[in-house]
Amino acid sequence: MSSWETGQFIYLLVLGGALALWLFIENRDSIGTKLKQLSAWGLIFLGTIAVIGLWGDIRQTVQPRQAVFADQGRIELPMAPDGHYYVTLQLNGEPIRFVVDTGASAVVLTRQDAARAGIDAEKLAFFSEAMTANGAVKTAPVTLDMVALGPFEDRKMPAFVNAGEMDTSLLGMTYLQRFDRIEISGGQLVLER
């Protein structure tokens, strides 16, 4: 447990203790009623702690995910809570998560994602340059042997590995332009071929 979580836990214990003390003082005449109420509040308290502890797992379970409709040649990506669209592609057989970026001209991988896709970042030559919102960054051109999204498979796709720090790889226009239709509607990004 981190110090922040420990602090939250202590706060909840103090709050629970204060509620229990108030219940005993308020209902001095009826021990049975006090115990029932204390049990109910204890269950509410434990339930709250469980929800807080499991919130990340609960959110992942109920959050919509990308949907592949192979027979229709269609992929639907739900908008994430941060307002972006994320998609998981298979790069050289490895699942890599991308943020869809129509403002990026190319596919740009983080060093970590490049390594997962079998690209040795230590052997790359970072001689090209890309302009970002944070200024120029060094990049290394690479060729991805296989890129797959649902039923769509592309071979020998050009991409770049970013020399700088990035949280998520970018899925830019060199890949997106391979689709016949790109539409954003009703909180979904739809890709069709």
N, C-alpha and C. Protein backbone atom coordinates (compact mmCIF):
# COMPACT_ATOMS: atom_id res chain seq x y z
N MET A 1 0.84 -1.18 0.00
CA MET A 1 0.00 0.00 0.00
C MET A 1 0.88 1.24 0.00
N SER A 2 0.50 2.21 -0.84
CA SER A 2 1.27 3.46 -0.85
C SER A 2 0.88 4.30 0.36
N SER A 3 1.66 5.35 0.61
CA SER A 3 1.37 6.21 1.76
C SER A 3 0.03 6.92 1.59
N TRP A 4 -0.32 7.24 0.35
CA TRP A 4 -1.60 7.90 0.07
C TRP A 4 -2.75 6.95 0.40
N GLU A 5 -2.64 5.68 -0.02
CA GLU A 5 -3.68 4.70 0.27
C GLU A 5 -3.77 4.42 1.76
N THR A 6 -2.62 4.37 2.45
CA THR A 6 -2.61 4.17 3.89
C THR A 6 -3.33 5.31 4.58
N GLY A 7 -3.07 6.53 4.14
CA GLY A 7 -3.75 7.70 4.71
C GLY A 7 -5.25 7.63 4.51
N GLN A 8 -5.67 7.21 3.30
CA GLN A 8 -7.10 7.06 3.04
C GLN A 8 -7.71 6.00 3.95
N PHE A 9 -7.01 4.89 4.13
CA PHE A 9 -7.50 3.80 4.97
C PHE A 9 -7.66 4.27 6.42
N ILE A 10 -6.67 4.98 6.93
CA ILE A 10 -6.75 5.50 8.31
C ILE A 10 -7.91 6.47 8.44
N TYR A 11 -8.10 7.33 7.44
CA TYR A 11 -9.22 8.28 7.46
C TYR A 11 -10.55 7.53 7.52
N LEU A 12 -10.68 6.48 6.70
CA LEU A 12 -11.92 5.70 6.71
C LEU A 12 -12.14 5.00 8.04
N LEU A 13 -11.06 4.49 8.65
CA LEU A 13 -11.19 3.86 9.97
C LEU A 13 -11.66 4.86 11.02
N VAL A 14 -11.09 6.06 11.03
CA VAL A 14 -11.50 7.10 11.98
C VAL A 14 -12.95 7.49 11.74
N LEU A 15 -13.33 7.63 10.47
CA LEU A 15 -14.71 7.97 10.14
C LEU A 15 -15.66 6.87 10.60
N GLY A 16 -15.30 5.62 10.35
CA GLY A 16 -16.12 4.49 10.79
C GLY A 16 -16.22 4.43 12.30
N GLY A 17 -15.13 4.69 13.00
CA GLY A 17 -15.15 4.71 14.46
C GLY A 17 -16.05 5.81 15.00
N ALA A 18 -16.00 6.98 14.39
CA ALA A 18 -16.85 8.09 14.81
C ALA A 18 -18.33 7.75 14.61
N LEU A 19 -18.65 7.12 13.48
CA LEU A 19 -20.04 6.72 13.24
C LEU A 19 -20.49 5.69 14.26
N ALA A 20 -19.64 4.72 14.55
CA ALA A 20 -19.99 3.68 15.54
C ALA A 20 -20.22 4.31 16.91
N LEU A 21 -19.35 5.22 17.34
CA LEU A 21 -19.49 5.89 18.62
C LEU A 21 -20.79 6.68 18.67
N TRP A 22 -21.11 7.40 17.60
CA TRP A 22 -22.34 8.17 17.54
C TRP A 22 -23.56 7.26 17.67
N LEU A 23 -23.52 6.10 16.99
CA LEU A 23 -24.64 5.17 17.07
C LEU A 23 -24.84 4.66 18.50
N PHE A 24 -23.77 4.34 19.20
CA PHE A 24 -23.90 3.86 20.58
C PHE A 24 -24.43 4.94 21.50
N ILE A 25 -23.96 6.15 21.35
CA ILE A 25 -24.41 7.24 22.22
C ILE A 25 -25.87 7.59 21.93
N GLU A 26 -26.23 7.63 20.67
CA GLU A 26 -27.58 8.00 20.27
C GLU A 26 -28.63 6.96 20.67
N ASN A 27 -28.26 5.70 20.64
CA ASN A 27 -29.22 4.62 20.90
C ASN A 27 -28.85 3.84 22.16
N ARG A 28 -28.63 4.52 23.27
CA ARG A 28 -28.21 3.88 24.51
C ARG A 28 -29.23 2.89 25.06
N ASP A 29 -30.49 3.12 24.78
CA ASP A 29 -31.53 2.30 25.40
C ASP A 29 -31.74 0.95 24.72
N SER A 30 -31.32 0.79 23.46
CA SER A 30 -31.64 -0.46 22.76
C SER A 30 -30.37 -1.06 22.15
N ILE A 31 -29.80 -2.04 22.81
CA ILE A 31 -28.56 -2.68 22.37
C ILE A 31 -28.79 -3.45 21.06
N GLY A 32 -29.91 -4.15 20.94
CA GLY A 32 -30.21 -4.93 19.72
C GLY A 32 -30.27 -4.05 18.49
N THR A 33 -30.95 -2.92 18.61
CA THR A 33 -31.05 -1.98 17.49
C THR A 33 -29.68 -1.43 17.14
N LYS A 34 -28.89 -1.13 18.18
CA LYS A 34 -27.53 -0.61 17.94
C LYS A 34 -26.70 -1.60 17.15
N LEU A 35 -26.77 -2.86 17.54
CA LEU A 35 -25.97 -3.88 16.85
C LEU A 35 -26.40 -4.05 15.40
N LYS A 36 -27.72 -4.00 15.14
CA LYS A 36 -28.21 -4.09 13.76
C LYS A 36 -27.70 -2.92 12.93
N GLN A 37 -27.83 -1.72 13.48
CA GLN A 37 -27.38 -0.54 12.75
C GLN A 37 -25.86 -0.56 12.55
N LEU A 38 -25.14 -0.99 13.57
CA LEU A 38 -23.69 -1.08 13.46
C LEU A 38 -23.29 -2.08 12.38
N SER A 39 -24.02 -3.20 12.32
CA SER A 39 -23.75 -4.20 11.27
C SER A 39 -24.00 -3.61 9.89
N ALA A 40 -25.11 -2.91 9.75
CA ALA A 40 -25.43 -2.30 8.45
C ALA A 40 -24.36 -1.29 8.04
N TRP A 41 -23.96 -0.42 8.97
CA TRP A 41 -22.92 0.56 8.66
C TRP A 41 -21.58 -0.13 8.39
N GLY A 42 -21.29 -1.20 9.11
CA GLY A 42 -20.06 -1.94 8.87
C GLY A 42 -20.03 -2.52 7.47
N LEU A 43 -21.16 -3.08 7.01
CA LEU A 43 -21.23 -3.62 5.66
C LEU A 43 -21.10 -2.52 4.61
N ILE A 44 -21.74 -1.39 4.86
CA ILE A 44 -21.61 -0.25 3.93
C ILE A 44 -20.15 0.20 3.88
N PHE A 45 -19.54 0.28 5.03
CA PHE A 45 -18.14 0.69 5.11
C PHE A 45 -17.24 -0.28 4.36
N LEU A 46 -17.40 -1.59 4.59
CA LEU A 46 -16.59 -2.59 3.89
C LEU A 46 -16.85 -2.58 2.38
N GLY A 47 -18.11 -2.38 2.00
CA GLY A 47 -18.45 -2.30 0.57
C GLY A 47 -17.77 -1.11 -0.10
N THR A 48 -17.75 0.02 0.60
CA THR A 48 -17.08 1.21 0.07
C THR A 48 -15.59 0.97 -0.11
N ILE A 49 -14.97 0.34 0.88
CA ILE A 49 -13.54 0.03 0.78
C ILE A 49 -13.28 -0.91 -0.39
N ALA A 50 -14.15 -1.92 -0.58
CA ALA A 50 -13.98 -2.87 -1.68
C ALA A 50 -14.10 -2.17 -3.03
N VAL A 51 -15.09 -1.28 -3.16
CA VAL A 51 -15.27 -0.56 -4.44
C VAL A 51 -14.07 0.32 -4.72
N ILE A 52 -13.56 1.03 -3.72
CA ILE A 52 -12.39 1.88 -3.91
C ILE A 52 -11.19 1.03 -4.32
N GLY A 53 -10.99 -0.09 -3.68
CA GLY A 53 -9.85 -0.94 -3.98
C GLY A 53 -9.93 -1.60 -5.34
N LEU A 54 -11.14 -1.90 -5.77
CA LEU A 54 -11.32 -2.61 -7.04
C LEU A 54 -11.74 -1.70 -8.19
N TRP A 55 -11.75 -0.38 -7.97
CA TRP A 55 -12.28 0.54 -8.98
C TRP A 55 -11.58 0.40 -10.33
N GLY A 56 -10.27 0.24 -10.35
CA GLY A 56 -9.55 0.09 -11.62
C GLY A 56 -10.03 -1.13 -12.39
N ASP A 57 -10.22 -2.24 -11.70
CA ASP A 57 -10.70 -3.46 -12.36
C ASP A 57 -12.15 -3.30 -12.82
N ILE A 58 -12.98 -2.68 -11.99
CA ILE A 58 -14.39 -2.47 -12.35
C ILE A 58 -14.48 -1.59 -13.59
N ARG A 59 -13.72 -0.51 -13.62
CA ARG A 59 -13.75 0.41 -14.75
C ARG A 59 -13.31 -0.27 -16.04
N GLN A 60 -12.28 -1.12 -15.96
CA GLN A 60 -11.82 -1.84 -17.16
C GLN A 60 -12.89 -2.80 -17.66
N THR A 61 -13.66 -3.39 -16.74
CA THR A 61 -14.67 -4.36 -17.12
C THR A 61 -15.85 -3.71 -17.83
N VAL A 62 -16.29 -2.55 -17.35
CA VAL A 62 -17.47 -1.91 -17.93
C VAL A 62 -17.14 -0.94 -19.05
N GLN A 63 -15.89 -0.61 -19.23
CA GLN A 63 -15.51 0.33 -20.27
C GLN A 63 -15.64 -0.35 -21.64
N PRO A 64 -16.29 0.32 -22.60
CA PRO A 64 -16.42 -0.29 -23.93
C PRO A 64 -15.05 -0.50 -24.58
N ARG A 65 -14.96 -1.53 -25.41
CA ARG A 65 -13.71 -1.87 -26.10
C ARG A 65 -13.93 -1.84 -27.60
N GLN A 66 -12.82 -1.93 -28.32
CA GLN A 66 -12.93 -1.93 -29.77
C GLN A 66 -13.71 -3.15 -30.23
N ALA A 67 -14.52 -2.94 -31.25
CA ALA A 67 -15.34 -4.02 -31.80
C ALA A 67 -14.95 -4.24 -33.25
N VAL A 68 -14.77 -5.51 -33.62
CA VAL A 68 -14.39 -5.87 -34.98
C VAL A 68 -15.57 -6.60 -35.62
N PHE A 69 -16.03 -6.08 -36.75
CA PHE A 69 -17.08 -6.72 -37.54
C PHE A 69 -16.45 -7.15 -38.86
N ALA A 70 -15.82 -8.33 -38.84
CA ALA A 70 -15.04 -8.81 -39.98
C ALA A 70 -15.90 -8.95 -41.24
N ASP A 71 -17.15 -9.46 -41.08
CA ASP A 71 -18.00 -9.67 -42.24
C ASP A 71 -18.42 -8.37 -42.92
N GLN A 72 -18.39 -7.27 -42.16
CA GLN A 72 -18.75 -5.96 -42.71
C GLN A 72 -17.52 -5.12 -43.05
N GLY A 73 -16.32 -5.61 -42.72
CA GLY A 73 -15.10 -4.85 -42.95
C GLY A 73 -15.08 -3.58 -42.12
N ARG A 74 -15.50 -3.70 -40.88
CA ARG A 74 -15.71 -2.51 -40.04
C ARG A 74 -15.09 -2.71 -38.66
N ILE A 75 -14.47 -1.64 -38.16
CA ILE A 75 -13.92 -1.59 -36.80
C ILE A 75 -14.55 -0.39 -36.10
N GLU A 76 -15.04 -0.59 -34.87
CA GLU A 76 -15.60 0.51 -34.09
C GLU A 76 -14.77 0.70 -32.83
N LEU A 77 -14.33 1.92 -32.61
CA LEU A 77 -13.52 2.27 -31.44
C LEU A 77 -14.30 3.25 -30.58
N PRO A 78 -14.55 2.91 -29.31
CA PRO A 78 -15.26 3.84 -28.43
C PRO A 78 -14.33 4.96 -27.95
N MET A 79 -14.92 6.11 -27.68
CA MET A 79 -14.14 7.21 -27.13
C MET A 79 -13.78 6.87 -25.69
N ALA A 80 -12.53 7.05 -25.36
CA ALA A 80 -12.06 6.80 -23.99
C ALA A 80 -12.47 7.96 -23.09
N PRO A 81 -12.45 7.76 -21.77
CA PRO A 81 -12.81 8.85 -20.85
C PRO A 81 -11.97 10.12 -21.04
N ASP A 82 -10.74 9.98 -21.57
CA ASP A 82 -9.90 11.17 -21.78
C ASP A 82 -10.20 11.86 -23.11
N GLY A 83 -11.19 11.38 -23.87
CA GLY A 83 -11.58 12.02 -25.13
C GLY A 83 -10.82 11.51 -26.35
N HIS A 84 -9.89 10.59 -26.18
CA HIS A 84 -9.13 10.03 -27.30
C HIS A 84 -9.72 8.69 -27.72
N TYR A 85 -9.27 8.23 -28.87
CA TYR A 85 -9.65 6.90 -29.36
C TYR A 85 -8.40 6.03 -29.35
N TYR A 86 -8.52 4.86 -28.73
CA TYR A 86 -7.40 3.93 -28.63
C TYR A 86 -7.73 2.66 -29.41
N VAL A 87 -6.71 2.06 -29.98
CA VAL A 87 -6.89 0.82 -30.73
C VAL A 87 -5.68 -0.08 -30.48
N THR A 88 -5.95 -1.37 -30.42
CA THR A 88 -4.86 -2.34 -30.27
C THR A 88 -4.65 -3.05 -31.59
N LEU A 89 -3.44 -2.95 -32.12
CA LEU A 89 -3.06 -3.62 -33.36
C LEU A 89 -2.06 -4.71 -33.04
N GLN A 90 -1.95 -5.68 -33.92
CA GLN A 90 -0.92 -6.70 -33.82
C GLN A 90 0.25 -6.24 -34.68
N LEU A 91 1.39 -5.98 -34.07
CA LEU A 91 2.61 -5.62 -34.81
C LEU A 91 3.55 -6.80 -34.73
N ASN A 92 3.82 -7.39 -35.85
CA ASN A 92 4.70 -8.56 -35.90
C ASN A 92 4.25 -9.62 -34.89
N GLY A 93 2.91 -9.72 -34.71
CA GLY A 93 2.35 -10.73 -33.83
C GLY A 93 2.16 -10.31 -32.38
N GLU A 94 2.58 -9.11 -32.00
CA GLU A 94 2.45 -8.63 -30.62
C GLU A 94 1.36 -7.56 -30.53
N PRO A 95 0.48 -7.63 -29.52
CA PRO A 95 -0.54 -6.59 -29.36
C PRO A 95 0.08 -5.29 -28.83
N ILE A 96 -0.14 -4.21 -29.58
CA ILE A 96 0.39 -2.90 -29.20
C ILE A 96 -0.78 -1.91 -29.19
N ARG A 97 -0.87 -1.13 -28.12
CA ARG A 97 -1.95 -0.14 -27.98
C ARG A 97 -1.50 1.19 -28.56
N PHE A 98 -2.37 1.79 -29.39
CA PHE A 98 -2.09 3.07 -30.03
C PHE A 98 -3.18 4.08 -29.68
N VAL A 99 -2.83 5.34 -29.69
CA VAL A 99 -3.82 6.40 -29.69
C VAL A 99 -3.97 6.82 -31.15
N VAL A 100 -5.22 6.91 -31.62
CA VAL A 100 -5.47 7.33 -32.99
C VAL A 100 -5.20 8.82 -33.07
N ASP A 101 -4.32 9.21 -33.99
CA ASP A 101 -3.91 10.62 -34.10
C ASP A 101 -3.95 11.04 -35.57
N THR A 102 -5.08 11.65 -35.96
CA THR A 102 -5.22 12.10 -37.35
C THR A 102 -4.29 13.28 -37.65
N GLY A 103 -3.72 13.88 -36.63
CA GLY A 103 -2.78 14.97 -36.82
C GLY A 103 -1.35 14.49 -37.04
N ALA A 104 -1.12 13.20 -36.83
CA ALA A 104 0.22 12.63 -37.05
C ALA A 104 0.26 12.09 -38.48
N SER A 105 1.31 12.42 -39.19
CA SER A 105 1.41 11.96 -40.58
C SER A 105 1.84 10.50 -40.66
N ALA A 106 2.47 9.96 -39.63
CA ALA A 106 3.00 8.60 -39.70
C ALA A 106 2.65 7.82 -38.44
N VAL A 107 2.95 6.53 -38.48
CA VAL A 107 2.86 5.67 -37.31
C VAL A 107 4.15 5.87 -36.53
N VAL A 108 4.02 6.20 -35.24
CA VAL A 108 5.19 6.47 -34.41
C VAL A 108 5.11 5.57 -33.17
N LEU A 109 6.14 4.78 -32.97
CA LEU A 109 6.19 3.85 -31.85
C LEU A 109 7.05 4.40 -30.72
N THR A 110 6.66 4.06 -29.50
CA THR A 110 7.54 4.32 -28.37
C THR A 110 8.66 3.29 -28.43
N ARG A 111 9.75 3.55 -27.76
CA ARG A 111 10.85 2.57 -27.73
C ARG A 111 10.39 1.24 -27.13
N GLN A 112 9.56 1.30 -26.10
CA GLN A 112 9.09 0.09 -25.44
C GLN A 112 8.22 -0.75 -26.39
N ASP A 113 7.31 -0.08 -27.11
CA ASP A 113 6.46 -0.81 -28.05
C ASP A 113 7.27 -1.37 -29.21
N ALA A 114 8.27 -0.62 -29.65
CA ALA A 114 9.14 -1.12 -30.72
C ALA A 114 9.84 -2.39 -30.27
N ALA A 115 10.32 -2.41 -29.03
CA ALA A 115 11.00 -3.59 -28.51
C ALA A 115 10.03 -4.77 -28.43
N ARG A 116 8.80 -4.52 -28.00
CA ARG A 116 7.80 -5.59 -27.93
C ARG A 116 7.50 -6.15 -29.31
N ALA A 117 7.58 -5.31 -30.34
CA ALA A 117 7.32 -5.75 -31.72
C ALA A 117 8.54 -6.39 -32.36
N GLY A 118 9.62 -6.54 -31.60
CA GLY A 118 10.81 -7.22 -32.11
C GLY A 118 11.83 -6.31 -32.78
N ILE A 119 11.72 -5.01 -32.55
CA ILE A 119 12.66 -4.06 -33.13
C ILE A 119 13.69 -3.70 -32.06
N ASP A 120 14.95 -3.87 -32.37
CA ASP A 120 16.03 -3.56 -31.44
C ASP A 120 16.34 -2.07 -31.52
N ALA A 121 15.86 -1.32 -30.53
CA ALA A 121 16.03 0.14 -30.53
C ALA A 121 17.49 0.56 -30.41
N GLU A 122 18.33 -0.32 -29.86
CA GLU A 122 19.75 0.00 -29.72
C GLU A 122 20.46 0.05 -31.08
N LYS A 123 19.93 -0.65 -32.05
CA LYS A 123 20.55 -0.70 -33.37
C LYS A 123 19.97 0.32 -34.35
N LEU A 124 19.03 1.13 -33.89
CA LEU A 124 18.38 2.10 -34.78
C LEU A 124 19.21 3.37 -34.92
N ALA A 125 19.09 3.99 -36.08
CA ALA A 125 19.75 5.27 -36.34
C ALA A 125 18.69 6.37 -36.28
N PHE A 126 18.75 7.20 -35.25
CA PHE A 126 17.78 8.28 -35.06
C PHE A 126 18.27 9.52 -35.80
N PHE A 127 18.12 9.49 -37.12
CA PHE A 127 18.62 10.59 -37.93
C PHE A 127 17.50 11.46 -38.50
N SER A 128 16.26 10.96 -38.52
CA SER A 128 15.17 11.79 -39.02
C SER A 128 14.58 12.60 -37.87
N GLU A 129 13.76 13.56 -38.23
CA GLU A 129 13.22 14.48 -37.23
C GLU A 129 11.73 14.67 -37.47
N ALA A 130 10.97 14.76 -36.41
CA ALA A 130 9.53 15.01 -36.50
C ALA A 130 9.19 16.23 -35.65
N MET A 131 8.24 17.01 -36.14
CA MET A 131 7.78 18.18 -35.40
C MET A 131 6.55 17.79 -34.57
N THR A 132 6.61 18.08 -33.29
CA THR A 132 5.50 17.79 -32.38
C THR A 132 5.06 19.08 -31.71
N ALA A 133 4.02 18.98 -30.90
CA ALA A 133 3.57 20.15 -30.14
C ALA A 133 4.64 20.61 -29.17
N ASN A 134 5.54 19.71 -28.78
CA ASN A 134 6.62 20.05 -27.85
C ASN A 134 7.93 20.38 -28.57
N GLY A 135 7.86 20.51 -29.88
CA GLY A 135 9.07 20.82 -30.64
C GLY A 135 9.56 19.61 -31.42
N ALA A 136 10.79 19.71 -31.94
CA ALA A 136 11.36 18.65 -32.77
C ALA A 136 11.86 17.49 -31.92
N VAL A 137 11.64 16.27 -32.43
CA VAL A 137 12.15 15.06 -31.78
C VAL A 137 12.85 14.21 -32.83
N LYS A 138 13.85 13.49 -32.41
CA LYS A 138 14.58 12.58 -33.30
C LYS A 138 13.78 11.29 -33.45
N THR A 139 13.75 10.76 -34.66
CA THR A 139 13.06 9.51 -34.93
C THR A 139 13.94 8.61 -35.79
N ALA A 140 13.64 7.32 -35.75
CA ALA A 140 14.35 6.35 -36.59
C ALA A 140 13.32 5.65 -37.47
N PRO A 141 13.53 5.66 -38.78
CA PRO A 141 12.59 4.95 -39.66
C PRO A 141 12.75 3.44 -39.53
N VAL A 142 11.61 2.74 -39.53
CA VAL A 142 11.60 1.28 -39.47
C VAL A 142 10.53 0.78 -40.44
N THR A 143 10.58 -0.50 -40.74
CA THR A 143 9.54 -1.15 -41.53
C THR A 143 8.95 -2.27 -40.70
N LEU A 144 7.64 -2.23 -40.54
CA LEU A 144 6.93 -3.25 -39.77
C LEU A 144 6.54 -4.39 -40.72
N ASP A 145 7.01 -5.59 -40.43
CA ASP A 145 6.74 -6.73 -41.31
C ASP A 145 5.25 -6.99 -41.46
N MET A 146 4.51 -6.95 -40.35
CA MET A 146 3.09 -7.25 -40.41
C MET A 146 2.32 -6.40 -39.39
N VAL A 147 1.26 -5.77 -39.86
CA VAL A 147 0.37 -4.98 -39.00
C VAL A 147 -1.04 -5.51 -39.23
N ALA A 148 -1.71 -5.92 -38.15
CA ALA A 148 -3.05 -6.49 -38.29
C ALA A 148 -4.01 -5.81 -37.33
N LEU A 149 -5.20 -5.53 -37.84
CA LEU A 149 -6.31 -5.01 -37.05
C LEU A 149 -7.54 -5.79 -37.48
N GLY A 150 -7.95 -6.71 -36.63
CA GLY A 150 -9.08 -7.57 -37.00
C GLY A 150 -8.75 -8.33 -38.28
N PRO A 151 -9.64 -8.24 -39.28
CA PRO A 151 -9.40 -8.98 -40.52
C PRO A 151 -8.41 -8.29 -41.47
N PHE A 152 -8.02 -7.09 -41.14
CA PHE A 152 -7.16 -6.31 -42.03
C PHE A 152 -5.70 -6.56 -41.69
N GLU A 153 -4.94 -6.96 -42.69
CA GLU A 153 -3.53 -7.25 -42.49
C GLU A 153 -2.72 -6.50 -43.53
N ASP A 154 -1.72 -5.78 -43.10
CA ASP A 154 -0.84 -5.03 -43.99
C ASP A 154 0.59 -5.47 -43.75
N ARG A 155 1.36 -5.50 -44.82
CA ARG A 155 2.75 -5.94 -44.73
C ARG A 155 3.68 -4.82 -45.16
N LYS A 156 4.91 -4.87 -44.62
CA LYS A 156 5.97 -3.93 -44.97
C LYS A 156 5.49 -2.47 -44.85
N MET A 157 5.00 -2.16 -43.67
CA MET A 157 4.47 -0.82 -43.43
C MET A 157 5.55 0.08 -42.82
N PRO A 158 5.73 1.27 -43.39
CA PRO A 158 6.72 2.19 -42.83
C PRO A 158 6.22 2.80 -41.52
N ALA A 159 7.15 3.02 -40.60
CA ALA A 159 6.83 3.63 -39.31
C ALA A 159 8.09 4.28 -38.78
N PHE A 160 7.96 4.90 -37.62
CA PHE A 160 9.10 5.54 -36.96
C PHE A 160 9.12 5.14 -35.50
N VAL A 161 10.31 5.13 -34.93
CA VAL A 161 10.47 4.94 -33.49
C VAL A 161 10.94 6.27 -32.94
N ASN A 162 10.27 6.74 -31.90
CA ASN A 162 10.56 8.04 -31.30
C ASN A 162 11.75 7.90 -30.33
N ALA A 163 12.71 8.80 -30.46
CA ALA A 163 13.86 8.79 -29.55
C ALA A 163 13.50 9.38 -28.19
N GLY A 164 12.47 10.22 -28.16
CA GLY A 164 12.07 10.88 -26.92
C GLY A 164 11.08 10.05 -26.13
N GLU A 165 10.54 10.65 -25.08
CA GLU A 165 9.58 9.98 -24.22
C GLU A 165 8.17 10.19 -24.76
N MET A 166 7.44 9.11 -24.85
CA MET A 166 6.03 9.13 -25.24
C MET A 166 5.30 8.11 -24.37
N ASP A 167 4.07 8.43 -23.99
CA ASP A 167 3.28 7.50 -23.18
C ASP A 167 2.71 6.37 -24.03
N THR A 168 2.22 6.70 -25.21
CA THR A 168 1.53 5.74 -26.07
C THR A 168 1.97 5.94 -27.50
N SER A 169 2.06 4.86 -28.24
CA SER A 169 2.40 4.96 -29.66
C SER A 169 1.27 5.66 -30.41
N LEU A 170 1.60 6.31 -31.51
CA LEU A 170 0.64 7.07 -32.30
C LEU A 170 0.30 6.34 -33.58
N LEU A 171 -0.99 6.25 -33.88
CA LEU A 171 -1.44 5.66 -35.12
C LEU A 171 -1.82 6.81 -36.05
N GLY A 172 -0.90 7.15 -36.94
CA GLY A 172 -1.08 8.30 -37.81
C GLY A 172 -1.66 7.97 -39.17
N MET A 173 -1.60 8.95 -40.06
CA MET A 173 -2.29 8.87 -41.34
C MET A 173 -1.71 7.84 -42.30
N THR A 174 -0.43 7.48 -42.21
CA THR A 174 0.08 6.46 -43.13
C THR A 174 -0.67 5.14 -42.98
N TYR A 175 -1.20 4.89 -41.79
CA TYR A 175 -2.03 3.69 -41.61
C TYR A 175 -3.50 4.01 -41.84
N LEU A 176 -3.97 5.10 -41.29
CA LEU A 176 -5.41 5.42 -41.39
C LEU A 176 -5.87 5.62 -42.82
N GLN A 177 -5.00 6.12 -43.71
CA GLN A 177 -5.41 6.35 -45.10
C GLN A 177 -5.63 5.04 -45.86
N ARG A 178 -5.30 3.91 -45.27
CA ARG A 178 -5.55 2.62 -45.90
C ARG A 178 -7.03 2.22 -45.80
N PHE A 179 -7.79 2.96 -45.01
CA PHE A 179 -9.21 2.68 -44.88
C PHE A 179 -10.00 3.53 -45.87
N ASP A 180 -11.11 2.96 -46.36
CA ASP A 180 -11.97 3.68 -47.31
C ASP A 180 -12.79 4.75 -46.63
N ARG A 181 -13.12 4.51 -45.37
CA ARG A 181 -13.97 5.46 -44.66
C ARG A 181 -13.53 5.55 -43.21
N ILE A 182 -13.42 6.77 -42.73
CA ILE A 182 -13.15 7.06 -41.32
C ILE A 182 -14.23 8.02 -40.87
N GLU A 183 -14.96 7.65 -39.83
CA GLU A 183 -16.06 8.49 -39.38
C GLU A 183 -16.07 8.55 -37.86
N ILE A 184 -16.30 9.74 -37.34
CA ILE A 184 -16.49 9.91 -35.89
C ILE A 184 -17.94 10.32 -35.69
N SER A 185 -18.66 9.49 -34.95
CA SER A 185 -20.09 9.76 -34.75
C SER A 185 -20.55 9.09 -33.48
N GLY A 186 -21.31 9.80 -32.68
CA GLY A 186 -21.91 9.22 -31.47
C GLY A 186 -20.90 8.65 -30.49
N GLY A 187 -19.74 9.29 -30.36
CA GLY A 187 -18.74 8.81 -29.42
C GLY A 187 -17.97 7.59 -29.90
N GLN A 188 -18.03 7.31 -31.21
CA GLN A 188 -17.29 6.18 -31.78
C GLN A 188 -16.51 6.64 -33.00
N LEU A 189 -15.35 6.01 -33.19
CA LEU A 189 -14.57 6.17 -34.40
C LEU A 189 -14.76 4.90 -35.20
N VAL A 190 -15.26 5.03 -36.42
CA VAL A 190 -15.55 3.88 -37.27
C VAL A 190 -14.56 3.86 -38.43
N LEU A 191 -13.91 2.71 -38.61
CA LEU A 191 -12.98 2.49 -39.72
C LEU A 191 -13.56 1.40 -40.60
N GLU A 192 -13.60 1.65 -41.91
CA GLU A 192 -14.12 0.64 -42.86
C GLU A 192 -13.19 0.50 -44.04
N ARG A 193 -13.08 -0.75 -44.51
CA ARG A 193 -12.34 -1.04 -45.77
C ARG A 193 -13.27 -1.79 -46.69
